[in-house]
Amino acid sequence: MFVGVKRLLGFSRDATTVWRSSLFAVRLVALVMASVAFSGVLYMTEPAGPGLQASSASYLGAADALVQGRGLRAPTARWFSPDSESTLTRYPPGYSVALALPVAMGLPPVQAARLVEALAAFVAMAVLLAIVGDAAGAGAAVLMGLALLVTPALVDVHLSVLSEPLFLACLALTLATMVAMPDLPIAAGVCAAAALMVRFTGIGAVMAVVVWTLLRRAAWHTRLVRATLGVAPALALAVGAMTVTRGLASAVARRLGVHGGLGNALAGAGRTVTLWLAPTAHPVDWMWWIALPAAVGVIAMLVVGTRRVHRLWRLLPEGLSLQSSTTVPQLLAARVLGAVAVLGGSYAAVLLAARLFVDGSVMYDYRLLSPLIMLTSVAFAVAAATWWRSATRGPRVALAVVLLVWGVAAGRVSWRHVHDGLEFGTDLGHEVWRRSAMLDWARADGARYSLYSNWPSLAYFYLDRPARGLPESSDAATLRAFADTLAARGGVILAFTAANPRYAPSDSLLHVLGLRVLAAYPDGRVLAPALR
């Protein structure tokens, strides 16, 4: 494994004779642009950033609790829970465990998240540029690195405390080990297992390792043994996570079923792809007229470039491998395109299955599609660089102009997102929440109450205390039980004006349960049980 890593990083003397002189340039480019990515993440998550979402509270709170010796405990709970904290079961534990390391060293949880995301960006950028540089040259690596730095989808997921940056780094490492060490599946299996521990959709990376191993030329018993080695790390970590995080398996099982509405989800995916290929700060209906030919162009380039790579690969000597002293970039290019196809296809299949059978509320937004955007960028860079060498001047100029226009547009959109985040904050980290009068009340007069809210994670972010959510159903029996629980526990509801679709509307609670308004503010009302 270590020999393969050395070869991947360019420290072996067995590198191709033709491209040996460019290996140093590729590694230098990768390190420089990875450092830019690292610094960029730290810069764009400075106050008023990073952005905070409901899931951020679970990640940060679980990391904090783990360091304190209380296990993986999220600072929110369901309304009927006797405890205002809950075991982390909605998300896998990998990101919280990663956050716990810098927290244990003394960093506040939010600052720990900034560091982890910056390191993840460094790793992903360095690895991807090394792969593309070896397969297509330093020039292609530079251009792809610049594209990744300005891609709005990738910028957005690094603006907030989310598990996506670490997940992208794990996917990049999985891709690298699949390409550089195809006969050592346990290496890719470890990286894929790490991806699974960060996000449940990482099961796609595990599937990809198995498929990639089975497609390798070898006797079938050898393929099966290697596939077993590839999936073993994921199985071991999954069993360990379910043991440590009790209830994880049952929480996932409760969500299984057949969910409709796939058409709406696919329409959302189309909007996400449109915003990627035709980036603009103010989306308009006619954008798809730009995105559609752009998508056709991307697909055409992938097809043409892949066919050329395949033709060059077929000219290589039989049995050539990365361990050979005559290794050539064509072999790497073929492996990169093949590995991207397997990894991207497996991930897409998992997204589709998750929407159909696990969670009907899945939205194909930037968060879920950012891995596919990253992988497509890698494949496009390799295919376009291969095509470029044999293309005439006219098509070259056309491609250069298109890429330049897209890069400027994407950079403007990404900079706007970064600027707004630095100026006002994003999501639950926005200044409207930081200046909440109702949270000021909860900080002072609300200390003696148990807190319930339609945004319970705000209590962790701004009050440094846990809170329970509201009922997710509005049926009469549930609301009566909730009213009794609220009165018995001496609780109040922080009913923010901003609606949360996960919970029953606070107005229905007010009228149906006969609650009284304890305090009213521009951003919401404090509701309490009626006096008896």
Protein backbone atom coordinates (compact mmCIF):
# COMPACT_ATOMS: atom_id res chain seq x y z
CA MET A 1 0.00 0.00 0.00
CA PHE A 2 2.76 2.45 0.93
CA VAL A 3 4.57 1.65 -2.33
CA GLY A 4 1.40 2.51 -4.22
CA VAL A 5 1.00 5.78 -2.32
CA LYS A 6 4.61 6.70 -3.12
CA ARG A 7 3.99 6.05 -6.79
CA LEU A 8 0.75 8.03 -6.67
CA LEU A 9 2.56 11.02 -5.18
CA GLY A 10 5.37 10.77 -7.70
CA PHE A 11 8.22 9.66 -5.42
CA SER A 12 8.99 6.47 -7.34
CA ARG A 13 11.73 6.11 -9.91
CA ASP A 14 9.39 3.95 -11.99
CA ALA A 15 7.49 6.91 -13.44
CA THR A 16 7.08 7.16 -17.16
CA THR A 17 10.23 8.22 -19.00
CA VAL A 18 8.28 10.48 -21.32
CA TRP A 19 6.54 12.44 -18.60
CA ARG A 20 9.14 12.21 -15.84
CA SER A 21 10.22 15.82 -16.36
CA SER A 22 6.67 17.06 -15.70
CA LEU A 23 6.08 15.11 -12.49
CA PHE A 24 7.69 17.78 -10.32
CA ALA A 25 5.61 20.49 -12.01
CA VAL A 26 2.43 18.49 -11.46
CA ARG A 27 3.18 17.98 -7.77
CA LEU A 28 4.11 21.64 -7.34
CA VAL A 29 0.89 22.75 -9.04
CA ALA A 30 -1.14 20.38 -6.86
CA LEU A 31 0.43 21.63 -3.64
CA VAL A 32 0.11 25.31 -4.58
CA MET A 33 -3.53 25.06 -5.60
CA ALA A 34 -4.34 22.86 -2.61
CA SER A 35 -2.84 25.56 -0.39
CA VAL A 36 -5.04 28.12 -2.17
CA ALA A 37 -8.09 25.95 -1.48
CA PHE A 38 -7.08 25.58 2.19
CA SER A 39 -6.60 29.33 2.62
CA GLY A 40 -9.76 30.09 0.67
CA VAL A 41 -11.94 27.97 2.94
CA LEU A 42 -10.48 29.62 6.04
CA TYR A 43 -11.05 33.06 4.50
CA MET A 44 -14.64 32.57 3.36
CA THR A 45 -15.73 31.02 6.68
CA GLU A 46 -14.50 33.95 8.78
CA PRO A 47 -17.17 35.78 10.79
CA ALA A 48 -19.99 36.34 9.96
CA GLY A 49 -19.43 32.82 8.62
CA PRO A 50 -19.38 29.92 8.57
CA GLY A 51 -22.94 29.16 7.61
CA LEU A 52 -24.97 27.08 10.04
CA GLN A 53 -27.72 24.60 9.23
CA ALA A 54 -29.89 22.32 11.32
CA SER A 55 -27.53 19.41 10.64
CA SER A 56 -24.59 21.55 11.79
CA ALA A 57 -25.93 21.49 15.35
CA SER A 58 -25.94 17.70 15.35
CA TYR A 59 -22.38 17.49 14.04
CA LEU A 60 -20.96 20.14 16.37
CA GLY A 61 -22.91 19.07 19.43
CA ALA A 62 -21.96 15.41 18.98
CA ALA A 63 -18.28 16.34 18.67
CA ASP A 64 -18.49 18.46 21.82
CA ALA A 65 -20.28 15.71 23.74
CA LEU A 66 -17.77 13.10 22.57
CA VAL A 67 -14.86 15.15 23.90
CA GLN A 68 -16.70 15.58 27.21
CA GLY A 69 -17.07 11.81 27.49
CA ARG A 70 -20.85 11.71 26.95
CA GLY A 71 -20.70 9.86 23.64
CA LEU A 72 -22.16 11.02 20.33
CA ARG A 73 -25.05 13.12 21.58
CA ALA A 74 -26.90 15.64 19.43
CA PRO A 75 -28.19 18.80 21.20
CA THR A 76 -31.75 18.37 19.92
CA ALA A 77 -34.45 15.79 20.57
CA ARG A 78 -38.03 14.95 19.63
CA TRP A 79 -40.79 16.52 21.67
CA PHE A 80 -41.68 13.36 23.61
CA SER A 81 -38.10 12.49 24.57
CA PRO A 82 -37.39 12.55 28.33
CA ASP A 83 -33.95 13.93 27.52
CA SER A 84 -33.36 17.18 25.64
CA GLU A 85 -30.39 15.52 23.90
CA SER A 86 -30.49 12.50 21.63
CA THR A 87 -28.13 9.87 20.29
CA LEU A 88 -26.68 10.80 16.93
CA THR A 89 -28.62 8.51 14.58
CA ARG A 90 -29.76 10.83 11.80
CA TYR A 91 -26.20 11.12 10.49
CA PRO A 92 -23.20 8.78 10.47
CA PRO A 93 -20.55 9.57 13.10
CA GLY A 94 -17.50 10.17 10.88
CA TYR A 95 -17.70 13.95 10.58
CA SER A 96 -18.38 14.45 14.28
CA VAL A 97 -15.45 12.19 15.17
CA ALA A 98 -13.22 14.22 12.85
CA LEU A 99 -14.42 17.44 14.51
CA ALA A 100 -13.76 15.99 17.95
CA LEU A 101 -10.00 15.81 17.29
CA PRO A 102 -9.40 19.60 17.09
CA VAL A 103 -12.07 20.20 19.76
CA ALA A 104 -10.07 17.96 22.10
CA MET A 105 -7.05 20.14 21.33
CA GLY A 106 -8.90 23.20 22.63
CA LEU A 107 -10.59 24.67 19.54
CA PRO A 108 -14.25 25.74 19.83
CA PRO A 109 -16.48 23.43 17.78
CA VAL A 110 -17.18 25.97 15.01
CA GLN A 111 -13.47 26.77 14.63
CA ALA A 112 -12.74 23.04 14.58
CA ALA A 113 -15.21 22.70 11.70
CA ARG A 114 -13.42 25.47 9.77
CA LEU A 115 -10.09 23.68 10.20
CA VAL A 116 -11.45 20.27 9.20
CA GLU A 117 -13.14 21.67 6.09
CA ALA A 118 -10.01 23.56 5.06
CA LEU A 119 -7.87 20.43 5.47
CA ALA A 120 -10.44 18.42 3.51
CA ALA A 121 -10.31 20.99 0.69
CA PHE A 122 -6.51 20.74 0.68
CA VAL A 123 -6.57 16.95 0.43
CA ALA A 124 -9.26 16.84 -2.27
CA MET A 125 -7.57 19.47 -4.42
CA ALA A 126 -4.07 17.98 -4.07
CA VAL A 127 -5.20 14.45 -4.87
CA LEU A 128 -7.42 15.37 -7.82
CA LEU A 129 -4.80 17.61 -9.39
CA ALA A 130 -2.14 14.92 -8.99
CA ILE A 131 -4.39 12.42 -10.76
CA VAL A 132 -5.31 14.76 -13.61
CA GLY A 133 -1.76 16.08 -13.91
CA ASP A 134 -0.28 12.62 -14.29
CA ALA A 135 -2.91 11.58 -16.80
CA ALA A 136 -3.29 14.79 -18.82
CA GLY A 137 -0.44 17.14 -17.92
CA ALA A 138 0.16 20.08 -15.61
CA GLY A 139 -1.79 22.47 -17.84
CA ALA A 140 -4.97 20.42 -17.58
CA ALA A 141 -4.46 20.14 -13.83
CA VAL A 142 -4.17 23.93 -13.46
CA LEU A 143 -7.31 24.59 -15.48
CA MET A 144 -9.30 21.97 -13.59
CA GLY A 145 -8.06 23.37 -10.29
CA LEU A 146 -9.21 26.85 -11.27
CA ALA A 147 -12.59 25.44 -12.32
CA LEU A 148 -13.01 23.68 -8.98
CA LEU A 149 -12.14 26.87 -7.09
CA VAL A 150 -14.93 28.86 -8.78
CA THR A 151 -17.62 26.17 -9.16
CA PRO A 152 -20.60 27.52 -7.15
CA ALA A 153 -21.70 24.07 -5.99
CA LEU A 154 -18.31 23.32 -4.45
CA VAL A 155 -17.92 26.81 -3.01
CA ASP A 156 -21.36 26.66 -1.40
CA VAL A 157 -20.79 23.37 0.43
CA HIS A 158 -17.56 24.80 1.88
CA LEU A 159 -19.29 27.93 3.16
CA SER A 160 -21.20 26.14 5.91
CA VAL A 161 -20.55 23.60 8.64
CA LEU A 162 -21.42 20.54 6.57
CA SER A 163 -20.04 17.04 6.09
CA GLU A 164 -19.73 17.46 2.30
CA PRO A 165 -16.14 18.83 2.23
CA LEU A 166 -14.82 15.84 4.18
CA PHE A 167 -16.94 13.52 2.04
CA LEU A 168 -15.48 15.00 -1.15
CA ALA A 169 -11.96 14.44 0.20
CA CYS A 170 -12.80 10.80 0.94
CA LEU A 171 -14.19 10.35 -2.57
CA ALA A 172 -11.05 11.91 -4.07
CA LEU A 173 -8.89 9.48 -2.12
CA THR A 174 -11.12 6.59 -3.18
CA LEU A 175 -10.73 7.60 -6.82
CA ALA A 176 -6.95 7.95 -6.42
CA THR A 177 -6.52 4.52 -4.87
CA MET A 178 -8.76 2.91 -7.49
CA VAL A 179 -6.55 4.40 -10.20
CA ALA A 180 -3.11 3.96 -8.64
CA MET A 181 -3.61 0.70 -6.74
CA PRO A 182 -6.22 -1.38 -8.60
CA ASP A 183 -4.65 -4.62 -7.38
CA LEU A 184 -4.78 -3.47 -3.76
CA PRO A 185 -8.54 -3.08 -3.20
CA ILE A 186 -8.26 -2.80 0.57
CA ALA A 187 -6.67 0.64 0.11
CA ALA A 188 -9.66 1.92 -1.87
CA GLY A 189 -11.91 0.05 0.55
CA VAL A 190 -10.54 2.00 3.51
CA CYS A 191 -11.15 5.32 1.73
CA ALA A 192 -14.65 4.25 0.68
CA ALA A 193 -15.41 3.12 4.23
CA ALA A 194 -14.35 6.55 5.47
CA ALA A 195 -16.76 8.13 2.96
CA LEU A 196 -19.56 5.89 4.28
CA MET A 197 -18.82 6.98 7.84
CA VAL A 198 -19.11 10.62 6.80
CA ARG A 199 -22.31 10.35 4.75
CA PHE A 200 -24.71 7.47 4.20
CA THR A 201 -24.47 8.02 0.45
CA GLY A 202 -20.87 6.85 0.81
CA ILE A 203 -22.29 3.39 0.22
CA GLY A 204 -21.91 4.38 -3.44
CA ALA A 205 -18.14 4.56 -2.98
CA VAL A 206 -18.13 1.08 -1.42
CA MET A 207 -20.18 -0.25 -4.33
CA ALA A 208 -17.76 1.37 -6.76
CA VAL A 209 -14.75 -0.36 -5.17
CA VAL A 210 -16.49 -3.72 -5.46
CA VAL A 211 -17.54 -3.16 -9.09
CA TRP A 212 -14.09 -1.84 -10.02
CA THR A 213 -12.45 -4.90 -8.49
CA LEU A 214 -14.79 -7.32 -10.21
CA LEU A 215 -14.11 -5.67 -13.58
CA ARG A 216 -10.36 -6.23 -13.29
CA ARG A 217 -8.96 -9.03 -15.43
CA ALA A 218 -8.28 -12.02 -13.20
CA ALA A 219 -9.65 -15.42 -12.32
CA TRP A 220 -13.09 -15.18 -10.77
CA HIS A 221 -12.01 -16.53 -7.40
CA THR A 222 -9.28 -13.86 -7.34
CA ARG A 223 -11.84 -11.18 -8.16
CA LEU A 224 -14.15 -12.36 -5.39
CA VAL A 225 -11.34 -12.39 -2.85
CA ARG A 226 -10.30 -8.88 -3.84
CA ALA A 227 -13.89 -7.66 -3.75
CA THR A 228 -14.25 -9.08 -0.26
CA LEU A 229 -11.12 -7.22 0.81
CA GLY A 230 -12.51 -4.05 -0.73
CA VAL A 231 -15.80 -4.21 1.16
CA ALA A 232 -14.38 -5.50 4.46
CA PRO A 233 -13.34 -2.09 5.91
CA ALA A 234 -16.82 -0.65 5.27
CA LEU A 235 -18.53 -3.63 6.91
CA ALA A 236 -16.24 -3.43 9.92
CA LEU A 237 -16.77 0.30 10.40
CA ALA A 238 -20.52 0.02 9.82
CA VAL A 239 -20.86 -2.67 12.49
CA GLY A 240 -18.73 -0.61 14.84
CA ALA A 241 -20.79 2.52 14.24
CA MET A 242 -24.05 0.68 14.85
CA THR A 243 -22.63 -0.72 18.06
CA VAL A 244 -21.37 2.61 19.36
CA THR A 245 -24.28 4.67 18.02
CA ARG A 246 -27.15 2.63 19.33
CA GLY A 247 -30.32 2.95 17.32
CA LEU A 248 -28.57 3.86 14.07
CA ALA A 249 -29.77 0.73 12.27
CA SER A 250 -33.36 1.05 13.53
CA ALA A 251 -33.43 4.76 12.64
CA VAL A 252 -32.46 3.94 9.06
CA ALA A 253 -34.87 1.00 8.92
CA ARG A 254 -37.80 3.19 10.02
CA ARG A 255 -37.37 5.32 6.93
CA LEU A 256 -37.48 2.43 4.47
CA GLY A 257 -40.45 2.30 2.11
CA VAL A 258 -41.55 3.30 -1.36
CA HIS A 259 -41.71 7.06 -1.86
CA GLY A 260 -43.30 8.85 -4.78
CA GLY A 261 -42.59 12.23 -6.28
CA LEU A 262 -39.47 11.19 -8.16
CA GLY A 263 -40.38 13.53 -11.01
CA ASN A 264 -40.13 16.59 -8.75
CA ALA A 265 -36.79 15.40 -7.45
CA LEU A 266 -35.45 14.94 -10.98
CA ALA A 267 -36.73 18.40 -11.91
CA GLY A 268 -34.76 19.73 -8.94
CA ALA A 269 -31.70 17.92 -10.23
CA GLY A 270 -32.22 19.60 -13.59
CA ARG A 271 -32.31 23.02 -11.91
CA THR A 272 -29.12 22.22 -10.03
CA VAL A 273 -27.34 21.14 -13.20
CA THR A 274 -28.61 24.26 -14.96
CA LEU A 275 -27.14 26.49 -12.24
CA TRP A 276 -23.85 24.63 -12.60
CA LEU A 277 -23.56 24.84 -16.38
CA ALA A 278 -25.13 28.31 -16.72
CA PRO A 279 -24.09 30.03 -13.49
CA THR A 280 -25.88 33.27 -12.68
CA ALA A 281 -26.59 35.18 -9.50
CA HIS A 282 -30.26 35.64 -10.43
CA PRO A 283 -31.74 32.45 -11.95
CA VAL A 284 -34.23 32.98 -14.75
CA ASP A 285 -36.42 30.60 -16.73
CA TRP A 286 -34.48 30.89 -19.98
CA MET A 287 -31.22 29.70 -18.42
CA TRP A 288 -31.89 26.16 -19.57
CA TRP A 289 -31.42 27.37 -23.16
CA ILE A 290 -27.77 27.90 -22.21
CA ALA A 291 -27.47 24.90 -19.92
CA LEU A 292 -28.86 22.40 -22.44
CA PRO A 293 -26.27 22.98 -25.20
CA ALA A 294 -23.60 23.21 -22.48
CA ALA A 295 -24.65 19.79 -21.20
CA VAL A 296 -24.58 18.41 -24.74
CA GLY A 297 -21.10 19.85 -25.17
CA VAL A 298 -19.84 18.32 -21.93
CA ILE A 299 -21.23 14.92 -22.89
CA ALA A 300 -19.79 15.19 -26.40
CA MET A 301 -16.36 16.07 -25.04
CA LEU A 302 -16.48 13.16 -22.62
CA VAL A 303 -17.45 10.77 -25.42
CA VAL A 304 -14.87 12.05 -27.93
CA GLY A 305 -12.08 12.28 -25.37
CA THR A 306 -12.84 8.87 -23.95
CA ARG A 307 -12.82 7.28 -27.39
CA ARG A 308 -9.44 8.80 -28.13
CA VAL A 309 -8.06 7.63 -24.78
CA HIS A 310 -9.38 4.17 -25.53
CA ARG A 311 -7.69 4.11 -28.93
CA LEU A 312 -4.37 5.18 -27.42
CA TRP A 313 -4.75 2.67 -24.60
CA ARG A 314 -5.26 -0.19 -27.05
CA LEU A 315 -1.87 0.59 -28.60
CA LEU A 316 -0.08 -0.01 -25.30
CA PRO A 317 1.86 -3.26 -24.74
CA GLU A 318 -0.12 -6.11 -23.21
CA GLY A 319 0.19 -6.30 -19.42
CA LEU A 320 1.43 -2.74 -18.96
CA SER A 321 0.81 -1.40 -15.45
CA LEU A 322 1.71 1.51 -13.21
CA GLN A 323 4.42 -0.67 -11.71
CA SER A 324 6.16 -0.92 -15.10
CA SER A 325 9.15 1.27 -15.86
CA THR A 326 7.49 2.13 -19.18
CA THR A 327 4.28 3.47 -17.71
CA VAL A 328 2.65 6.04 -19.98
CA PRO A 329 -0.10 8.62 -19.35
CA GLN A 330 -2.55 6.84 -21.66
CA LEU A 331 -2.91 4.06 -19.12
CA LEU A 332 -3.54 6.53 -16.32
CA ALA A 333 -6.05 8.45 -18.46
CA ALA A 334 -7.95 5.26 -19.26
CA ARG A 335 -8.02 4.27 -15.61
CA VAL A 336 -9.12 7.72 -14.47
CA LEU A 337 -12.03 7.82 -16.91
CA GLY A 338 -13.03 4.26 -16.05
CA ALA A 339 -12.82 4.85 -12.30
CA VAL A 340 -14.80 8.09 -12.57
CA ALA A 341 -17.52 6.30 -14.54
CA VAL A 342 -17.79 3.52 -11.96
CA LEU A 343 -17.62 5.82 -8.94
CA GLY A 344 -20.00 8.40 -10.38
CA GLY A 345 -22.44 5.77 -11.62
CA SER A 346 -22.50 4.01 -8.26
CA TYR A 347 -23.07 7.27 -6.41
CA ALA A 348 -25.88 8.26 -8.78
CA ALA A 349 -27.52 4.86 -8.31
CA VAL A 350 -27.44 5.33 -4.53
CA LEU A 351 -29.01 8.80 -4.85
CA LEU A 352 -31.82 7.35 -6.94
CA ALA A 353 -32.40 4.44 -4.55
CA ALA A 354 -32.33 6.77 -1.54
CA ARG A 355 -35.05 8.94 -3.06
CA LEU A 356 -37.20 5.98 -4.02
CA PHE A 357 -36.88 3.77 -0.95
CA VAL A 358 -35.36 5.68 2.00
CA ASP A 359 -36.38 9.33 2.14
CA GLY A 360 -39.09 10.95 0.06
CA SER A 361 -37.86 14.42 1.04
CA VAL A 362 -34.47 14.02 -0.67
CA MET A 363 -33.68 17.02 -2.84
CA TYR A 364 -31.03 16.84 -5.53
CA ASP A 365 -29.43 20.15 -4.63
CA TYR A 366 -25.80 21.27 -4.55
CA ARG A 367 -25.13 19.22 -1.42
CA LEU A 368 -26.08 15.91 -2.97
CA LEU A 369 -24.87 16.59 -6.50
CA SER A 370 -21.53 18.23 -5.61
CA PRO A 371 -19.69 14.85 -5.75
CA LEU A 372 -21.00 14.22 -9.27
CA ILE A 373 -20.01 17.73 -10.31
CA MET A 374 -16.50 17.16 -8.93
CA LEU A 375 -16.11 13.79 -10.66
CA THR A 376 -17.46 15.13 -13.95
CA SER A 377 -14.91 17.95 -13.77
CA VAL A 378 -12.11 15.39 -13.41
CA ALA A 379 -13.32 13.33 -16.36
CA PHE A 380 -13.86 16.42 -18.50
CA ALA A 381 -10.32 17.66 -17.80
CA VAL A 382 -8.75 14.35 -18.83
CA ALA A 383 -10.95 13.89 -21.90
CA ALA A 384 -10.57 17.50 -23.07
CA ALA A 385 -6.78 17.44 -22.64
CA THR A 386 -6.54 14.25 -24.72
CA TRP A 387 -8.80 15.70 -27.41
CA TRP A 388 -6.87 19.02 -27.40
CA ARG A 389 -3.63 17.42 -28.61
CA SER A 390 -5.17 16.34 -31.89
CA ALA A 391 -7.71 19.14 -32.40
CA THR A 392 -7.33 21.92 -34.94
CA ARG A 393 -7.00 25.57 -34.04
CA GLY A 394 -10.65 26.54 -34.57
CA PRO A 395 -12.21 24.05 -32.14
CA ARG A 396 -9.44 24.79 -29.63
CA VAL A 397 -10.24 28.50 -29.69
CA ALA A 398 -13.97 27.78 -29.35
CA LEU A 399 -13.43 25.55 -26.30
CA ALA A 400 -11.09 28.10 -24.72
CA VAL A 401 -13.66 30.88 -25.15
CA VAL A 402 -16.47 28.78 -23.71
CA LEU A 403 -14.40 27.79 -20.69
CA LEU A 404 -13.32 31.39 -20.13
CA VAL A 405 -16.90 32.69 -20.25
CA TRP A 406 -18.08 29.94 -17.91
CA GLY A 407 -15.19 30.56 -15.51
CA VAL A 408 -15.91 34.29 -15.30
CA ALA A 409 -19.63 33.68 -14.75
CA ALA A 410 -19.02 30.98 -12.15
CA GLY A 411 -16.44 33.13 -10.37
CA ARG A 412 -18.87 36.04 -10.13
CA VAL A 413 -21.62 33.85 -8.68
CA SER A 414 -19.27 32.19 -6.21
CA TRP A 415 -17.79 35.51 -5.11
CA ARG A 416 -21.29 36.88 -4.52
CA HIS A 417 -22.08 33.91 -2.29
CA VAL A 418 -18.81 34.34 -0.39
CA HIS A 419 -19.32 38.09 -0.01
CA ASP A 420 -22.86 37.66 1.30
CA GLY A 421 -21.68 35.00 3.74
CA LEU A 422 -18.89 37.19 5.07
CA GLU A 423 -21.15 40.25 5.27
CA PHE A 424 -24.36 38.78 6.66
CA GLY A 425 -23.82 35.09 7.38
CA THR A 426 -25.76 32.27 5.73
CA ASP A 427 -28.65 30.02 6.71
CA LEU A 428 -29.04 29.83 10.50
CA GLY A 429 -25.86 31.85 10.87
CA HIS A 430 -27.46 34.87 9.16
CA GLU A 431 -27.55 38.15 11.07
CA VAL A 432 -31.35 37.98 11.40
CA TRP A 433 -30.84 35.04 13.76
CA ARG A 434 -27.88 36.58 15.56
CA ARG A 435 -29.99 39.66 16.32
CA SER A 436 -33.12 37.73 17.30
CA ALA A 437 -35.07 39.46 20.07
CA MET A 438 -36.74 36.18 20.96
CA LEU A 439 -33.39 34.51 21.47
CA ASP A 440 -32.44 37.43 23.72
CA TRP A 441 -35.55 36.67 25.78
CA ALA A 442 -34.63 32.98 25.93
CA ARG A 443 -31.09 33.90 27.01
CA ALA A 444 -32.42 35.93 29.95
CA ASP A 445 -35.95 35.04 31.04
CA GLY A 446 -36.10 31.66 29.30
CA ALA A 447 -33.34 30.04 31.34
CA ARG A 448 -35.88 28.53 33.78
CA TYR A 449 -37.96 26.84 31.08
CA SER A 450 -37.55 23.72 29.00
CA LEU A 451 -37.28 24.87 25.41
CA TYR A 452 -39.25 23.61 22.42
CA SER A 453 -39.01 25.20 19.00
CA ASN A 454 -39.64 24.88 15.31
CA TRP A 455 -35.89 25.60 14.97
CA PRO A 456 -34.42 23.75 17.98
CA SER A 457 -30.85 23.92 16.69
CA LEU A 458 -30.84 27.69 17.29
CA ALA A 459 -30.79 27.03 21.02
CA TYR A 460 -27.46 25.23 20.64
CA PHE A 461 -25.95 27.85 18.33
CA TYR A 462 -26.91 30.96 20.32
CA LEU A 463 -27.91 29.81 23.80
CA ASP A 464 -25.44 26.95 24.23
CA ARG A 465 -28.19 24.64 25.48
CA PRO A 466 -30.25 21.82 23.96
CA ALA A 467 -33.87 22.09 22.87
CA ARG A 468 -36.61 19.78 21.67
CA GLY A 469 -38.52 20.03 18.42
CA LEU A 470 -42.27 20.31 17.88
CA PRO A 471 -44.63 17.53 16.77
CA GLU A 472 -44.22 16.55 13.15
CA SER A 473 -47.89 15.61 12.87
CA SER A 474 -50.97 17.77 13.51
CA ASP A 475 -53.38 14.97 14.41
CA ALA A 476 -55.47 15.59 17.52
CA ALA A 477 -54.05 12.76 19.63
CA THR A 478 -50.47 13.88 19.03
CA LEU A 479 -51.28 17.51 19.82
CA ARG A 480 -53.08 16.60 23.07
CA ALA A 481 -50.11 14.49 24.16
CA PHE A 482 -47.77 17.32 23.30
CA ALA A 483 -49.83 19.83 25.30
CA ASP A 484 -49.76 17.57 28.36
CA THR A 485 -45.99 17.04 27.99
CA LEU A 486 -45.36 20.77 27.59
CA ALA A 487 -47.30 21.58 30.75
CA ALA A 488 -45.76 18.76 32.78
CA ARG A 489 -42.20 19.81 31.93
CA GLY A 490 -42.73 23.52 32.37
CA GLY A 491 -41.83 24.16 28.77
CA VAL A 492 -42.24 27.06 26.39
CA ILE A 493 -42.23 27.15 22.61
CA LEU A 494 -39.93 29.46 20.70
CA ALA A 495 -42.19 29.76 17.66
CA PHE A 496 -40.14 31.58 15.05
CA THR A 497 -41.99 33.29 12.24
CA ALA A 498 -39.79 31.52 9.67
CA ALA A 499 -41.61 28.25 9.00
CA ASN A 500 -39.86 24.90 9.24
CA PRO A 501 -41.65 22.37 7.00
CA ARG A 502 -40.50 19.50 9.21
CA TYR A 503 -42.80 20.51 12.07
CA ALA A 504 -46.48 21.30 12.55
CA PRO A 505 -47.22 25.04 12.05
CA SER A 506 -46.96 26.96 15.30
CA ASP A 507 -50.24 28.78 14.56
CA SER A 508 -52.10 25.48 14.66
CA LEU A 509 -50.54 24.73 18.04
CA LEU A 510 -51.60 28.12 19.34
CA HIS A 511 -55.24 27.79 18.33
CA VAL A 512 -55.84 24.06 18.73
CA LEU A 513 -54.07 23.69 22.07
CA GLY A 514 -55.22 26.98 23.51
CA LEU A 515 -51.71 28.15 24.29
CA ARG A 516 -51.05 31.68 25.49
CA VAL A 517 -48.58 34.16 24.07
CA LEU A 518 -45.98 34.77 26.75
CA ALA A 519 -44.01 37.28 24.67
CA ALA A 520 -44.18 38.56 21.09
CA TYR A 521 -41.34 39.85 18.95
CA PRO A 522 -40.84 40.71 15.26
CA ASP A 523 -39.20 37.33 14.62
CA GLY A 524 -41.70 35.16 16.50
CA ARG A 525 -43.68 34.46 19.64
CA VAL A 526 -43.01 32.65 22.90
CA LEU A 527 -45.91 30.27 23.54
CA ALA A 528 -46.69 28.73 26.91
CA PRO A 529 -49.42 26.42 28.29
CA ALA A 530 -52.63 28.19 29.28
CA LEU A 531 -52.99 29.09 32.96
CA ARG A 532 -55.08 26.61 34.90
